[in-house]
Protein backbone atom coordinates (compact mmCIF):
# COMPACT_ATOMS: atom_id res chain seq x y z
CA MET A 1 75.79 117.36 87.75
CA GLU A 2 79.44 118.70 88.36
CA ASN A 3 80.78 120.43 90.90
CA GLY A 4 82.90 122.58 88.78
CA ASP A 5 86.11 122.91 90.72
CA PRO A 6 88.64 119.88 90.72
CA ILE A 7 90.08 121.15 94.23
CA LYS A 8 88.83 118.44 96.53
CA ASP A 9 85.28 118.15 97.21
CA LYS A 10 84.33 117.47 100.69
CA PHE A 11 80.91 116.46 99.29
CA THR A 12 82.15 113.41 96.69
CA SER A 13 85.70 112.26 95.41
CA GLY A 14 85.24 113.48 91.70
CA ASN A 15 84.24 116.12 89.57
CA HIS A 16 80.46 114.65 88.83
CA HIS A 17 78.01 114.56 91.62
CA SER A 18 75.87 111.65 91.63
CA TYR A 19 71.98 111.86 91.96
CA TRP A 20 72.45 110.85 95.85
CA ASN A 21 74.51 113.87 96.60
CA ASP A 22 72.28 116.26 94.89
CA SER A 23 68.98 115.05 96.85
CA GLN A 24 70.66 114.89 100.08
CA ARG A 25 71.72 117.40 102.28
CA PRO A 26 75.75 117.25 103.09
CA LEU A 27 76.04 114.67 105.72
CA GLU A 28 78.56 117.08 107.94
CA TYR A 29 79.29 116.83 111.58
CA LYS A 30 81.82 118.35 113.91
CA THR A 31 85.40 118.47 112.91
CA LEU A 32 87.81 116.78 115.50
CA ASP A 33 89.51 119.66 117.29
CA THR A 34 91.19 118.13 120.39
CA ASP A 35 92.53 114.87 121.81
CA VAL A 36 90.13 111.90 122.50
CA MET A 37 89.66 108.68 123.67
CA ALA A 38 87.76 105.30 122.22
CA ASP A 39 87.27 102.14 122.67
CA VAL A 40 86.92 101.47 119.03
CA LEU A 41 88.31 104.23 116.60
CA VAL A 42 86.32 103.76 113.09
CA ILE A 43 88.44 105.34 110.04
CA GLY A 44 85.90 106.20 107.05
CA GLY A 45 82.38 107.37 106.79
CA GLY A 46 81.03 105.14 104.19
CA ILE A 47 78.68 102.01 104.66
CA ALA A 48 81.50 100.04 106.07
CA GLY A 49 82.67 102.14 108.54
CA LEU A 50 79.02 103.47 109.61
CA THR A 51 77.86 99.83 109.90
CA ALA A 52 80.65 98.73 111.93
CA ALA A 53 80.00 101.94 114.30
CA TYR A 54 76.29 101.16 114.36
CA CYS A 55 77.13 97.60 115.58
CA LEU A 56 79.75 98.36 118.03
CA SER A 57 77.73 101.31 119.36
CA ALA A 58 74.56 99.04 119.93
CA SER A 59 76.99 96.54 121.72
CA GLY A 60 78.14 99.06 123.95
CA ARG A 61 81.47 100.03 122.80
CA ARG A 62 82.53 103.62 122.93
CA VAL A 63 83.22 104.24 119.32
CA VAL A 64 84.67 107.42 117.62
CA LEU A 65 83.71 107.82 114.03
CA ILE A 66 86.18 110.02 111.57
CA GLU A 67 86.07 110.69 107.82
CA ASP A 68 88.12 113.26 105.74
CA GLY A 69 85.25 114.59 104.05
CA CYS A 70 81.28 114.28 104.59
CA LEU A 71 79.58 111.20 105.31
CA GLY A 72 79.32 109.12 101.96
CA SER A 73 81.64 111.40 100.19
CA GLY A 74 83.91 108.68 99.02
CA GLU A 75 82.79 105.51 96.96
CA THR A 76 79.59 104.78 99.18
CA GLY A 77 78.09 107.99 97.31
CA ARG A 78 78.84 107.25 94.04
CA THR A 79 77.19 103.78 93.99
CA THR A 80 74.23 102.75 92.44
CA ALA A 81 72.85 101.31 95.65
CA GLN A 82 71.59 98.05 94.59
CA ILE A 83 71.30 95.73 97.73
CA SER A 84 72.10 92.08 96.37
CA TYR A 85 72.96 88.64 96.50
CA ALA A 86 73.42 88.34 92.67
CA LEU A 87 76.94 88.80 92.96
CA ASP A 88 78.72 90.46 89.99
CA ASP A 89 81.00 87.10 90.09
CA ARG A 90 79.33 83.87 89.21
CA TYR A 91 78.65 81.43 91.76
CA TYR A 92 80.21 78.54 89.56
CA ASP A 93 83.51 80.52 89.64
CA LEU A 94 83.12 80.73 93.79
CA GLU A 95 82.83 77.20 93.40
CA LYS A 96 85.71 76.73 91.45
CA PHE A 97 87.75 79.08 93.99
CA PHE A 98 86.44 77.87 97.34
CA GLY A 99 84.13 75.00 96.74
CA ARG A 100 80.54 74.48 97.06
CA GLU A 101 80.27 74.57 100.58
CA LYS A 102 82.03 77.90 100.97
CA ALA A 103 79.98 79.14 97.82
CA SER A 104 77.08 78.69 99.54
CA LEU A 105 78.30 80.35 102.70
CA ALA A 106 78.92 83.27 100.67
CA ALA A 107 75.35 83.09 98.83
CA LYS A 108 74.01 83.07 102.67
CA SER A 109 75.96 85.67 103.86
CA HIS A 110 75.13 88.58 101.12
CA LYS A 111 71.49 87.30 101.60
CA GLN A 112 72.02 87.76 105.51
CA ALA A 113 73.47 91.29 104.69
CA LEU A 114 70.50 92.10 102.82
CA GLU A 115 67.94 91.06 105.31
CA TRP A 116 69.88 92.97 108.00
CA ILE A 117 69.28 96.31 106.36
CA ASN A 118 65.82 95.71 105.51
CA SER A 119 65.66 95.30 109.49
CA VAL A 120 67.83 97.78 110.50
CA VAL A 121 65.79 100.31 107.86
CA SER A 122 62.40 99.23 110.14
CA LEU A 123 64.18 99.51 113.64
CA GLU A 124 65.51 102.76 113.19
CA ASN A 125 62.76 104.07 111.45
CA ILE A 126 65.11 105.09 108.22
CA ASP A 127 63.55 107.45 105.68
CA CYS A 128 65.29 105.96 102.58
CA GLN A 129 63.18 105.01 99.96
CA PHE A 130 63.87 101.27 100.80
CA LYS A 131 62.19 98.69 98.31
CA ARG A 132 62.31 94.98 97.67
CA VAL A 133 62.56 94.56 93.90
CA ASP A 134 63.20 91.25 91.74
CA GLY A 135 66.71 91.30 89.86
CA TYR A 136 67.29 89.46 86.31
CA LEU A 137 70.45 88.00 85.33
CA PHE A 138 70.63 87.93 81.33
CA THR A 139 73.47 86.57 78.70
CA ASP A 140 75.37 89.17 77.28
CA PRO A 141 76.32 88.46 73.12
CA THR A 142 80.11 87.74 74.01
CA ASP A 143 79.08 84.80 76.74
CA LYS A 144 77.45 81.74 75.99
CA GLU A 145 73.90 80.77 76.74
CA GLU A 146 74.68 77.74 78.40
CA ASN A 147 76.60 79.77 80.85
CA LEU A 148 73.46 81.22 82.33
CA ASP A 149 72.21 77.42 83.03
CA LYS A 150 75.16 76.72 84.74
CA GLU A 151 75.10 79.95 86.96
CA LEU A 152 71.46 78.68 87.53
CA GLU A 153 72.43 75.56 89.00
CA ALA A 154 75.02 76.82 90.82
CA THR A 155 73.03 79.58 92.67
CA GLN A 156 70.46 76.77 93.52
CA ARG A 157 73.24 74.33 94.83
CA ALA A 158 74.12 77.76 97.06
CA GLY A 159 70.52 77.61 98.43
CA LEU A 160 69.32 80.69 96.73
CA PRO A 161 65.46 80.80 95.65
CA THR A 162 66.48 82.06 92.05
CA GLU A 163 64.67 80.21 88.77
CA MET A 164 65.08 80.76 85.07
CA VAL A 165 62.39 83.12 83.35
CA SER A 166 61.65 83.13 79.95
CA GLN A 167 61.25 86.84 79.55
CA MET A 168 62.10 90.02 81.68
CA PRO A 169 59.90 92.95 82.69
CA GLY A 170 60.68 96.32 81.34
CA ILE A 171 63.53 95.72 79.05
CA ALA A 172 63.42 95.86 75.34
CA SER A 173 65.27 92.41 75.01
CA GLY A 174 62.25 91.16 77.48
CA SER A 175 61.82 88.00 75.53
CA GLN A 176 65.56 87.12 76.34
CA ARG A 177 66.11 84.16 79.13
CA ALA A 178 67.37 85.21 82.35
CA ILE A 179 67.86 84.01 86.04
CA ARG A 180 65.24 85.68 88.40
CA PHE A 181 66.67 86.97 91.77
CA PRO A 182 63.85 87.23 93.60
CA ASP A 183 63.25 90.02 96.44
CA GLN A 184 66.85 91.73 96.10
CA GLY A 185 66.75 95.32 97.54
CA GLN A 186 67.60 98.89 96.85
CA PHE A 187 67.55 102.19 98.63
CA HIS A 188 68.73 106.03 98.39
CA ILE A 189 72.10 105.43 99.90
CA LEU A 190 72.94 108.69 101.63
CA LYS A 191 69.52 108.87 103.36
CA TYR A 192 70.46 105.71 104.86
CA LEU A 193 73.44 106.43 105.91
CA LYS A 194 71.99 109.65 107.52
CA GLY A 195 69.92 107.15 109.67
CA LEU A 196 72.61 105.24 110.45
CA ALA A 197 74.64 108.25 111.88
CA ASP A 198 71.83 109.52 113.62
CA ALA A 199 71.10 105.98 115.40
CA ILE A 200 75.13 105.93 116.15
CA VAL A 201 74.90 109.44 117.72
CA ARG A 202 72.11 108.14 119.89
CA LYS A 203 73.86 105.04 120.92
CA GLY A 204 76.53 107.74 122.12
CA GLY A 205 78.84 107.30 119.34
CA GLU A 206 81.14 110.26 118.26
CA ILE A 207 81.24 111.17 114.41
CA TYR A 208 83.73 114.02 113.03
CA THR A 209 83.69 114.88 109.69
CA ASN A 210 86.50 116.94 107.66
CA THR A 211 88.74 114.91 109.77
CA HIS A 212 91.68 113.03 107.94
CA ALA A 213 93.59 110.64 109.50
CA ASP A 214 97.40 111.05 108.91
CA GLU A 215 99.17 108.33 110.87
CA ILE A 216 97.50 104.99 111.95
CA THR A 217 98.98 102.95 114.44
CA GLU A 218 98.16 100.03 117.19
CA ASP A 219 97.40 102.79 119.85
CA GLY A 220 94.77 104.80 117.36
CA ALA A 221 95.51 107.70 115.04
CA LYS A 222 96.73 110.99 114.26
CA ALA A 223 94.16 113.64 112.97
CA ASN A 224 94.24 117.05 112.13
CA GLY A 225 97.17 117.40 114.33
CA PHE A 226 95.04 115.47 117.34
CA THR A 227 95.77 112.29 118.84
CA ILE A 228 93.02 109.85 118.75
CA ARG A 229 93.48 107.01 121.14
CA ALA A 230 92.04 103.55 120.74
CA ASN A 231 92.08 99.65 121.43
CA HIS A 232 90.55 98.86 118.37
CA ILE A 233 91.02 100.31 114.97
CA VAL A 234 88.71 99.59 111.87
CA VAL A 235 90.24 100.92 108.64
CA ALA A 236 87.07 101.14 106.52
CA THR A 237 88.18 103.47 103.76
CA ASN A 238 87.33 101.25 100.56
CA THR A 239 90.99 100.52 100.04
CA PRO A 240 93.05 100.49 103.45
CA VAL A 241 95.45 103.36 103.82
CA ASN A 242 97.40 101.73 106.86
CA ASP A 243 98.74 98.74 104.48
CA LEU A 244 101.68 99.62 102.31
CA PHE A 245 101.95 96.31 100.11
CA THR A 246 100.05 93.30 101.42
CA MET A 247 96.65 93.86 100.45
CA HIS A 248 97.63 95.65 97.45
CA THR A 249 98.72 92.34 95.61
CA LYS A 250 95.24 90.71 96.48
CA GLN A 251 92.93 93.33 94.90
CA TRP A 252 92.88 95.81 92.07
CA PRO A 253 91.62 98.95 91.17
CA TYR A 254 88.64 99.40 88.41
CA ARG A 255 86.96 102.61 87.33
CA THR A 256 83.34 102.07 86.32
CA TYR A 257 80.44 104.76 85.07
CA VAL A 258 76.83 105.71 85.53
CA ILE A 259 74.50 107.60 83.72
CA ALA A 260 70.86 108.41 85.12
CA ALA A 261 67.76 109.94 83.07
CA LYS A 262 64.41 110.47 83.71
CA VAL A 263 61.58 108.07 82.58
CA PRO A 264 58.03 108.61 82.94
CA LYS A 265 56.54 107.27 86.31
CA GLY A 266 54.61 103.72 85.90
CA ILE A 267 56.24 102.93 82.29
CA LEU A 268 58.85 100.60 84.05
CA PRO A 269 58.76 98.23 86.87
CA TYR A 270 61.09 98.81 89.75
CA ALA A 271 63.63 95.98 89.53
CA MET A 272 67.31 95.41 88.59
CA TRP A 273 68.82 94.31 85.73
CA TRP A 274 72.34 93.09 84.77
CA ASP A 275 74.13 91.26 81.95
CA THR A 276 76.92 88.56 82.40
CA GLY A 277 79.79 91.21 80.88
CA ASN A 278 81.69 91.13 77.97
CA MET A 279 83.73 88.08 77.75
CA GLU A 280 85.91 89.69 75.15
CA SER A 281 87.40 92.43 77.36
CA LYS A 282 91.02 92.29 77.88
CA TRP A 283 90.37 93.03 81.77
CA VAL A 284 90.38 90.30 84.37
CA ALA A 285 87.18 91.60 85.90
CA LYS A 286 85.08 91.59 83.06
CA PRO A 287 82.74 94.81 82.48
CA TYR A 288 78.96 94.39 82.97
CA HIS A 289 75.87 96.51 82.73
CA TYR A 290 73.81 96.80 85.73
CA VAL A 291 70.70 98.90 85.76
CA ARG A 292 67.68 100.23 88.39
CA LEU A 293 65.02 102.52 88.97
CA GLU A 294 64.62 104.65 91.65
CA PRO A 295 61.51 106.79 92.51
CA LEU A 296 62.09 110.61 91.76
CA ASP A 297 58.92 112.60 92.14
CA ASP A 298 55.18 112.56 91.22
CA ASN A 299 55.58 112.31 87.54
CA PHE A 300 58.94 110.68 86.76
CA ASP A 301 61.35 107.59 88.19
CA LEU A 302 64.98 107.87 87.56
CA LEU A 303 66.65 105.08 85.36
CA ILE A 304 69.96 104.40 86.59
CA SER A 305 72.51 102.47 84.59
CA GLY A 306 76.21 101.66 84.88
CA GLY A 307 79.09 99.78 83.14
CA GLU A 308 81.97 100.19 80.59
CA ASP A 309 84.61 99.40 83.17
CA HIS A 310 87.98 99.63 82.65
CA LYS A 311 91.44 99.48 85.34
CA THR A 312 91.98 102.62 87.15
CA GLY A 313 94.27 105.17 84.96
CA GLN A 314 94.02 102.54 82.14
CA ALA A 315 91.39 103.95 80.16
CA GLU A 316 93.83 104.36 77.03
CA GLU A 317 94.75 101.03 76.96
CA GLU A 318 91.11 100.08 75.03
CA HIS A 319 91.74 103.59 73.25
CA ILE A 320 88.29 104.62 74.47
CA SER A 321 88.25 107.78 76.15
CA GLU A 322 86.16 108.45 79.54
CA ALA A 323 83.75 110.38 77.43
CA GLU A 324 83.53 107.99 75.02
CA ARG A 325 82.53 105.59 77.49
CA TYR A 326 79.39 107.55 78.48
CA GLU A 327 78.33 107.38 75.02
CA ARG A 328 78.64 103.85 74.76
CA LEU A 329 76.61 103.18 78.18
CA THR A 330 74.03 105.59 76.56
CA ALA A 331 73.97 103.74 73.49
CA TRP A 332 73.43 100.37 75.38
CA THR A 333 70.98 101.63 77.58
CA MET A 334 69.04 103.24 74.97
CA GLN A 335 68.79 100.20 73.18
CA HIS A 336 67.40 97.98 75.90
CA PHE A 337 65.41 100.80 77.49
CA PRO A 338 64.46 102.85 74.69
CA HIS A 339 62.32 105.50 77.43
CA PHE A 340 65.78 106.42 78.27
CA SER A 341 66.64 110.14 77.00
CA GLU A 342 68.05 113.33 78.28
CA ILE A 343 70.68 112.42 80.76
CA GLU A 344 70.07 113.88 83.99
CA TYR A 345 73.37 112.79 85.95
CA LYS A 346 76.58 111.21 85.08
CA TRP A 347 79.47 110.01 87.53
CA SER A 348 82.30 107.43 87.55
CA GLY A 349 83.21 105.44 90.68
CA GLN A 350 86.01 103.26 91.91
CA VAL A 351 85.50 99.65 92.62
CA MET A 352 88.30 97.38 94.34
CA GLU A 353 87.98 93.79 92.71
CA PRO A 354 89.76 90.86 95.08
CA VAL A 355 91.28 88.17 92.99
CA ASP A 356 89.12 85.43 94.09
CA SER A 357 85.75 87.63 94.09
CA LEU A 358 85.17 87.82 97.55
CA GLY A 359 85.96 90.99 100.07
CA TYR A 360 88.49 91.03 102.95
CA ILE A 361 87.20 91.68 106.50
CA GLY A 362 89.17 91.19 109.64
CA LYS A 363 92.04 91.82 111.17
CA ASN A 364 94.99 93.39 108.92
CA PRO A 365 97.70 90.88 108.13
CA GLY A 366 100.25 91.05 111.00
CA ASP A 367 98.27 93.60 113.13
CA ASP A 368 96.55 92.26 116.54
CA ASN A 369 93.90 95.29 116.75
CA ILE A 370 93.87 97.20 113.28
CA TYR A 371 91.15 95.70 111.35
CA ILE A 372 90.24 96.71 107.79
CA ILE A 373 87.24 96.09 105.30
CA THR A 374 87.62 96.11 101.69
CA GLY A 375 87.51 94.34 98.22
CA ASP A 376 83.63 95.36 97.57
CA SER A 377 83.71 93.52 94.22
CA GLY A 378 80.82 95.53 92.49
CA ASN A 379 78.67 94.52 95.52
CA GLY A 380 79.62 97.27 97.96
CA MET A 381 76.24 97.71 99.59
CA THR A 382 76.36 93.76 101.18
CA HIS A 383 79.94 93.78 101.31
CA GLY A 384 80.25 96.94 103.26
CA THR A 385 77.60 95.72 105.66
CA LEU A 386 79.02 92.45 105.94
CA GLY A 387 82.21 94.09 106.96
CA GLY A 388 80.77 96.21 109.80
CA ILE A 389 78.76 92.92 111.15
CA ILE A 390 81.86 90.71 110.90
CA THR A 391 84.42 93.39 112.38
CA ASN A 392 81.84 93.56 115.44
CA ASP A 393 81.84 90.43 116.17
CA ILE A 394 85.59 89.43 115.86
CA ILE A 395 85.93 92.62 118.19
CA ASN A 396 83.38 91.48 120.73
CA GLY A 397 84.92 87.83 120.44
CA VAL A 398 81.58 86.58 119.22
CA GLU A 399 82.00 83.74 116.59
CA ASN A 400 80.67 84.56 113.25
CA PRO A 401 80.08 82.00 110.65
CA TYR A 402 81.61 84.06 108.02
CA ALA A 403 84.53 85.29 109.43
CA ALA A 404 86.72 82.85 107.96
CA LEU A 405 85.70 83.14 104.27
CA TYR A 406 86.29 86.78 104.33
CA GLU A 407 89.47 86.55 106.26
CA PRO A 408 92.28 88.87 104.69
CA SER A 409 95.18 86.94 105.00
CA ARG A 410 93.78 84.10 102.82
CA ILE A 411 95.41 82.73 100.32
CA THR A 412 93.34 81.16 96.80
CA LEU A 413 95.31 79.15 95.05
CA ARG A 414 92.96 78.34 92.25
CA THR A 415 93.21 81.88 91.30
CA GLY A 416 96.70 81.68 89.88
CA ILE A 417 96.27 82.57 86.53
CA ASP A 418 94.07 85.57 86.93
CA TYR A 419 96.63 86.91 89.83
CA MET A 420 99.44 86.67 87.32
CA LYS A 421 97.47 88.68 84.73
CA GLU A 422 96.85 91.29 86.93
CA VAL A 423 100.69 91.31 88.64
CA GLY A 424 101.52 91.18 84.69
CA ASN A 425 99.55 94.15 84.44
CA MET A 426 101.30 96.41 87.10
CA ALA A 427 104.60 95.32 86.31
CA TYR A 428 104.12 96.29 82.63
CA ARG A 429 102.44 99.83 83.55
CA MET A 430 105.21 100.82 86.02
CA ILE A 431 107.68 100.21 83.05
CA LYS A 432 105.54 101.85 80.17
CA ASP A 433 104.77 104.73 82.15
CA TRP A 434 108.20 105.53 83.47
CA ILE A 435 109.62 105.37 80.20
CA SER A 436 107.13 107.39 78.47
CA SER A 437 107.53 110.58 76.94
CA GLY A 438 104.61 112.12 78.63
CA ASP A 439 101.52 113.37 77.20
CA ILE A 440 102.84 116.55 75.94
CA LYS A 441 106.22 118.20 75.53
CA GLU A 442 105.70 121.76 76.40
CA VAL A 443 103.32 122.91 79.62
CA GLU A 444 102.36 125.56 76.70
CA GLU A 445 100.37 123.04 75.11
CA LEU A 446 98.32 122.67 78.02
CA ALA A 447 94.62 124.50 77.61
CA ALA A 448 92.58 125.88 80.71
CA GLY A 449 90.65 123.49 82.47
CA LYS A 450 92.99 120.35 81.43
CA GLY A 451 95.94 118.09 83.11
CA ALA A 452 98.70 116.08 81.81
CA ILE A 453 101.79 114.41 82.57
CA ILE A 454 104.93 115.62 81.16
CA SER A 455 108.52 114.41 81.41
CA LYS A 456 111.46 116.42 82.35
CA GLY A 457 114.61 114.13 82.64
CA LEU A 458 113.90 111.66 84.99
CA ASP A 459 111.21 113.44 86.41
CA LYS A 460 107.53 112.99 85.83
CA ILE A 461 105.30 116.00 86.54
CA ALA A 462 101.81 116.49 86.99
CA VAL A 463 100.23 119.81 85.58
CA TYR A 464 97.23 121.25 85.40
CA ARG A 465 96.25 124.76 84.06
CA ASP A 466 92.90 125.90 85.71
CA GLU A 467 90.39 128.18 84.23
CA ASN A 468 91.67 131.25 84.75
CA GLY A 469 95.20 130.07 83.08
CA GLU A 470 97.32 129.48 85.84
CA LEU A 471 99.45 126.40 86.12
CA HIS A 472 99.72 124.17 88.98
CA THR A 473 102.54 121.45 89.08
CA CYS A 474 103.16 118.27 91.24
CA THR A 475 105.44 115.37 91.33
CA ALA A 476 103.43 112.65 89.05
CA VAL A 477 104.95 109.73 91.29
CA CYS A 478 102.04 108.23 93.38
CA PRO A 479 103.28 108.30 97.40
CA HIS A 480 102.20 104.77 97.78
CA MET A 481 104.54 102.83 95.69
CA GLY A 482 106.11 104.97 92.99
CA GLY A 483 103.21 104.37 90.06
CA VAL A 484 103.41 107.28 87.38
CA LEU A 485 100.07 108.75 87.81
CA GLN A 486 97.34 109.58 84.64
CA TRP A 487 95.19 112.44 83.94
CA ASN A 488 91.54 111.26 84.29
CA ASP A 489 89.46 114.25 82.31
CA ASP A 490 86.09 113.36 83.54
CA GLU A 491 86.64 113.71 86.89
CA GLN A 492 89.55 115.86 86.77
CA SER A 493 91.87 114.12 88.62
CA PHE A 494 95.46 112.40 88.43
CA ASP A 495 95.09 108.39 89.19
CA CYS A 496 97.14 105.91 89.56
CA PRO A 497 97.25 102.79 87.60
CA LEU A 498 98.64 100.75 90.19
CA HIS A 499 96.65 100.61 93.12
CA GLY A 500 94.08 103.12 92.54
CA SER A 501 95.23 106.23 94.65
CA ARG A 502 93.70 109.74 92.96
CA PHE A 503 94.57 113.08 93.69
CA THR A 504 93.01 116.36 92.90
CA ALA A 505 94.14 118.38 90.10
CA TYR A 506 95.87 120.55 92.49
CA GLY A 507 97.95 117.29 94.06
CA GLU A 508 95.24 116.82 97.34
CA VAL A 509 94.54 113.05 98.26
CA ILE A 510 91.28 111.60 97.29
CA ASN A 511 91.38 107.96 97.27
CA GLY A 512 93.80 105.67 98.99
CA PRO A 513 95.48 103.62 99.54
CA ALA A 514 97.98 106.93 99.28
CA ASN A 515 97.12 108.86 102.49
CA CYS A 516 98.80 112.17 101.94
CA GLY A 517 98.91 114.72 98.94
CA LEU A 518 101.59 115.39 95.92
CA HIS A 519 104.68 116.80 96.41
CA LYS A 520 104.57 120.48 94.59
CA ILE A 521 106.87 121.59 92.26
CA THR A 522 107.36 125.45 91.34
CA GLU A 523 110.49 125.44 89.00
CA HIS A 524 108.55 123.83 85.94
CA LYS A 525 105.91 126.86 85.91
């Protein structure tokens, strides 16, 4: 579904609405309209921020949580809501990066996050369609079959109860070998967030939506023109909006695509399916496909399929448009699940890929009382949950067995080649986009409902013509670190190819790390 207007949508961070948006009332709370004080200020109303606020409230802390849209309006509401310890990076790579002991610790942490969600759903009586399902990892045609055996051995060394099976249920290529990851989880993410939010309020926490943090300091934040004072600040905004440079040299933004269609109830089992990814892709984070089934009504389920990822703002590097990526995803899904037919929903989301595959959770480098949760790496449900649990323990002085593993200031030396590739891509895009002549020569070329980048001398200008024919112009230079924005015709946004900041067609900020909108330009109209 589409929201039909590229002005910033307080319900979701894109032009398309996800299934979750359309099947749950917006999670809105009071807007901040006065100065407040808190023990802990949590910035961000996705799964990471709400988990942190829940844990901190339960431990007796006075918590204030703010979100600049509705709860779940960021990337959490654009997930496919798979809860899994089958990570989107291979365990044999984690062994290479961290060693076997830490790879085992990573497995244990994600498994514990899944169990934590299960227990909270029961404890708080959250009606979110939570299910335990099996997951199946199978080989992409571009990958070596021997790598599946290699991954099985690595997962078992990590202590996971995996097994190799000769066939998978439900999928057309079911006779293909796969690793079975038993007893994973799935849920309706926005209904789960509502349950967490209700519990936070019951425990004395305060939640403010439509409240944007303009300034973040060790004393708290300025939001909507008011002051929030706090002893601890947790920044859980998908990518940190309080950090100019440090963390953005350790992780990279990718755009991923999702489609969903009705299938007759009972024709497919509730399960998850993943391939191992396209090894021929130019991207460091090899794009893979991920599929699950969601209960819909008495007659139908919803088959949700995702993939076809690319670096944010760089779809054209592969000469594959956003629209074509949905077409490719549809063709792949119909090949593997023939009952998939007319698309009911389509949307895209943004994934932060850390250079060494694990998220960053803990004190922001250089700060004593500001904490960050970022680097979801395609496993946002477990990474975000771990973020809340670990941050709560750090603030309360409780030793957490996973804190060092996810420490934001860590340096992983064995990722040097991948790191240099990502840095090289960033440098290449900075030069390429600044010397580019732009998408169009003159604004008269721009059709209604379209956006583009235009060059005028040394200026880069983001132009958008609305459905009424009126032209809107802003600087096309990202206020974060000077990247030249690119028009995303699918989500009707201007996206930064360097660090993933995103803006509406009218220049309002959607995603960090930028924390303000684009400067308006009037002389080029």
